[in-house]
Amino acid sequence: MGKRNRKPKTSVEAPKSITTSQEQLQSKCYEGEDLTRLLESIKREIELAKLSKGTLPEKIWIKQQFSIGVNDVTRVLERMTTHAELGNSLQKSLILPSGCKAPLIELQAILLASDCNPRWLTRHLPSLSSSRRVPLIFVKDQKGGSLRLGELVNLKTAIAIGIKKCAEKVEELLGKDTSS
């Protein structure tokens, strides 16, 4: 058999300077006292919101307010329109396989544990969140950021938590913290 002439595979990559600058604009890292203050204020706002709308069971209410886990956060982000698509179309619903339209769920912020192991599990989230213009907040703690995030939603651990747009009180709180 003869040898085939194969061309070397070339990969097209975005310039690192552009990618990292976009990620730095929309990501912030909390640790130490700042992290404790942020998580306590979010937890306090969650409790106040639960008390004001106390008709739903706690687990259902949390599912309505938060997207919990890497898979769920990724799914919601992928269904959101990108910033470029937003200018082209103002589609506010998603057509499901059954033919009915589902309302588009948008995230207002993502809390991401920086102690995730293996790291490739969350490597796609910074670029995905920056393309959707969703701020990414890294949680870094000596005890484990995933443990601290799990406390927010009454779970043992949570690597990623997406805060949905319907959580008004938390949205106001995050608006203050991400702007400072």
Protein backbone atom coordinates (compact mmCIF):
# COMPACT_ATOMS: atom_id res chain seq x y z
CA MET A 1 0.00 0.00 0.00
CA GLY A 2 1.22 3.45 -0.83
CA LYS A 3 1.51 6.25 1.65
CA ARG A 4 -1.06 8.97 1.48
CA ASN A 5 -0.04 12.55 1.52
CA ARG A 6 -1.79 13.98 4.50
CA LYS A 7 -1.93 17.62 5.27
CA PRO A 8 -1.31 18.53 8.86
CA LYS A 9 -4.48 19.37 10.71
CA THR A 10 -4.78 23.00 11.57
CA SER A 11 -6.99 24.25 14.29
CA VAL A 12 -8.56 27.66 14.41
CA GLU A 13 -8.38 29.19 17.84
CA ALA A 14 -9.52 32.55 19.09
CA PRO A 15 -6.69 34.82 20.11
CA LYS A 16 -6.03 34.28 23.80
CA SER A 17 -5.91 37.99 24.54
CA ILE A 18 -9.49 38.49 23.35
CA THR A 19 -10.84 35.42 25.14
CA THR A 20 -9.18 36.15 28.47
CA SER A 21 -10.13 39.83 28.43
CA GLN A 22 -13.81 38.94 27.89
CA GLU A 23 -13.69 36.40 30.70
CA GLN A 24 -11.96 38.83 33.06
CA LEU A 25 -14.60 41.47 32.40
CA GLN A 26 -17.43 39.21 33.48
CA SER A 27 -15.88 37.03 36.16
CA LYS A 28 -15.08 37.84 39.73
CA CYS A 29 -13.50 35.67 42.42
CA TYR A 30 -14.73 35.75 46.01
CA GLU A 31 -12.78 34.25 48.89
CA GLY A 32 -12.34 34.75 52.61
CA GLU A 33 -14.50 37.38 54.29
CA ASP A 34 -15.89 38.66 50.99
CA LEU A 35 -17.14 35.16 50.17
CA THR A 36 -18.70 34.73 53.61
CA ARG A 37 -20.43 38.10 53.34
CA LEU A 38 -21.74 37.34 49.83
CA LEU A 39 -23.05 33.87 50.71
CA GLU A 40 -24.67 35.09 53.95
CA SER A 41 -26.45 37.93 52.17
CA ILE A 42 -27.64 35.59 49.38
CA LYS A 43 -28.85 33.06 51.97
CA ARG A 44 -30.66 35.84 53.86
CA GLU A 45 -32.39 37.03 50.67
CA ILE A 46 -33.36 33.43 49.83
CA GLU A 47 -34.95 33.00 53.26
CA LEU A 48 -36.86 36.29 52.95
CA ALA A 49 -38.12 35.38 49.48
CA LYS A 50 -39.18 31.91 50.67
CA LEU A 51 -41.14 33.41 53.55
CA SER A 52 -42.90 35.92 51.31
CA LYS A 53 -43.98 33.20 48.85
CA GLY A 54 -44.41 30.35 51.32
CA THR A 55 -47.02 28.33 49.42
CA LEU A 56 -44.61 26.09 47.49
CA PRO A 57 -42.55 23.27 49.00
CA GLU A 58 -38.92 24.25 49.51
CA LYS A 59 -37.42 21.91 46.88
CA ILE A 60 -39.79 23.12 44.17
CA TRP A 61 -39.21 26.76 45.08
CA ILE A 62 -35.42 26.28 44.89
CA LYS A 63 -35.73 24.63 41.45
CA GLN A 64 -37.73 27.64 40.22
CA GLN A 65 -35.14 30.13 41.46
CA PHE A 66 -31.87 28.30 40.73
CA SER A 67 -30.28 26.09 38.14
CA ILE A 68 -28.23 23.59 40.16
CA GLY A 69 -25.29 21.58 38.83
CA VAL A 70 -22.92 21.86 35.89
CA ASN A 71 -25.24 20.01 33.49
CA ASP A 72 -28.30 22.09 34.33
CA VAL A 73 -26.40 25.40 34.18
CA THR A 74 -24.90 24.40 30.82
CA ARG A 75 -28.32 23.41 29.46
CA VAL A 76 -29.89 26.73 30.46
CA LEU A 77 -26.95 28.73 29.06
CA GLU A 78 -27.10 26.87 25.73
CA ARG A 79 -30.81 27.61 25.41
CA MET A 80 -30.25 31.31 26.03
CA THR A 81 -29.65 33.46 22.98
CA THR A 82 -26.14 34.70 22.45
CA HIS A 83 -25.44 38.41 22.42
CA ALA A 84 -25.04 38.34 18.61
CA GLU A 85 -28.32 36.45 18.12
CA LEU A 86 -30.14 38.86 20.41
CA GLY A 87 -29.61 41.67 17.92
CA ASN A 88 -30.87 39.57 14.99
CA SER A 89 -34.00 38.14 16.56
CA LEU A 90 -36.07 38.82 19.61
CA GLN A 91 -37.22 35.25 20.04
CA LYS A 92 -38.32 34.79 23.64
CA SER A 93 -39.38 31.17 23.53
CA LEU A 94 -37.92 27.82 22.65
CA ILE A 95 -39.75 25.34 20.41
CA LEU A 96 -39.74 21.91 22.03
CA PRO A 97 -39.82 18.61 20.09
CA SER A 98 -43.50 18.25 20.98
CA GLY A 99 -44.22 21.46 19.04
CA CYS A 100 -45.22 23.64 21.99
CA LYS A 101 -43.20 26.67 23.01
CA ALA A 102 -41.40 26.83 26.33
CA PRO A 103 -40.52 30.16 27.93
CA LEU A 104 -36.87 31.07 27.70
CA ILE A 105 -35.22 30.84 31.10
CA GLU A 106 -32.39 33.31 31.54
CA LEU A 107 -29.67 33.33 34.13
CA GLN A 108 -28.63 36.54 35.83
CA ALA A 109 -25.41 35.14 37.34
CA ILE A 110 -23.50 31.90 37.82
CA LEU A 111 -21.75 30.90 41.03
CA LEU A 112 -18.94 28.46 40.22
CA ALA A 113 -16.78 26.55 42.71
CA SER A 114 -13.14 26.95 41.78
CA ASP A 115 -12.11 23.75 43.60
CA CYS A 116 -13.77 21.49 41.03
CA ASN A 117 -11.89 18.28 40.31
CA PRO A 118 -11.43 17.37 37.44
CA ARG A 119 -11.06 20.92 36.11
CA TRP A 120 -12.30 20.04 32.61
CA LEU A 121 -15.76 19.54 34.11
CA THR A 122 -16.31 23.31 34.24
CA ARG A 123 -13.81 24.55 31.67
CA HIS A 124 -16.54 25.40 29.14
CA LEU A 125 -18.59 27.61 31.47
CA PRO A 126 -16.50 30.84 31.34
CA SER A 127 -16.65 31.10 27.55
CA LEU A 128 -20.30 30.06 27.42
CA SER A 129 -21.32 32.58 30.07
CA SER A 130 -19.37 35.41 28.44
CA SER A 131 -21.07 34.73 25.08
CA ARG A 132 -24.45 35.02 26.83
CA ARG A 133 -23.37 38.09 28.86
CA VAL A 134 -23.98 36.32 32.17
CA PRO A 135 -21.58 37.28 34.99
CA LEU A 136 -19.53 34.41 36.40
CA ILE A 137 -18.63 34.49 40.09
CA PHE A 138 -15.89 32.13 41.23
CA VAL A 139 -16.20 30.82 44.78
CA LYS A 140 -12.85 29.93 46.33
CA ASP A 141 -12.60 28.63 49.88
CA GLN A 142 -10.15 26.59 51.93
CA LYS A 143 -12.96 24.32 53.15
CA GLY A 144 -14.18 23.84 49.60
CA GLY A 145 -16.20 26.17 47.43
CA SER A 146 -18.51 23.36 46.37
CA LEU A 147 -19.43 22.73 50.01
CA ARG A 148 -20.21 26.41 50.54
CA LEU A 149 -22.36 26.54 47.40
CA GLY A 150 -24.20 23.40 48.46
CA GLU A 151 -25.24 25.11 51.70
CA LEU A 152 -27.11 27.75 49.69
CA VAL A 153 -29.46 25.23 48.10
CA ASN A 154 -29.61 22.71 50.96
CA LEU A 155 -27.38 20.12 49.29
CA LYS A 156 -24.08 18.60 50.38
CA THR A 157 -22.13 20.01 47.42
CA ALA A 158 -22.83 22.03 44.29
CA ILE A 159 -20.15 22.85 41.73
CA ALA A 160 -22.25 25.37 39.80
CA ILE A 161 -25.39 27.32 40.64
CA GLY A 162 -27.15 29.50 38.10
CA ILE A 163 -29.40 32.20 39.52
CA LYS A 164 -32.46 32.59 37.32
CA LYS A 165 -33.93 35.97 36.37
CA CYS A 166 -37.07 35.34 38.43
CA ALA A 167 -35.14 35.66 41.71
CA GLU A 168 -35.65 39.44 42.11
CA LYS A 169 -34.14 39.94 45.56
CA VAL A 170 -31.01 38.00 44.69
CA GLU A 171 -30.79 39.92 41.40
CA GLU A 172 -30.70 43.23 43.28
CA LEU A 173 -28.05 41.87 45.63
CA LEU A 174 -25.87 40.57 42.80
CA GLY A 175 -26.26 43.85 40.94
CA LYS A 176 -24.66 45.62 43.90
CA ASP A 177 -21.86 43.08 44.33
CA THR A 178 -20.83 42.67 40.68
CA SER A 179 -20.72 46.42 40.07
CA SER A 180 -18.37 47.08 43.00
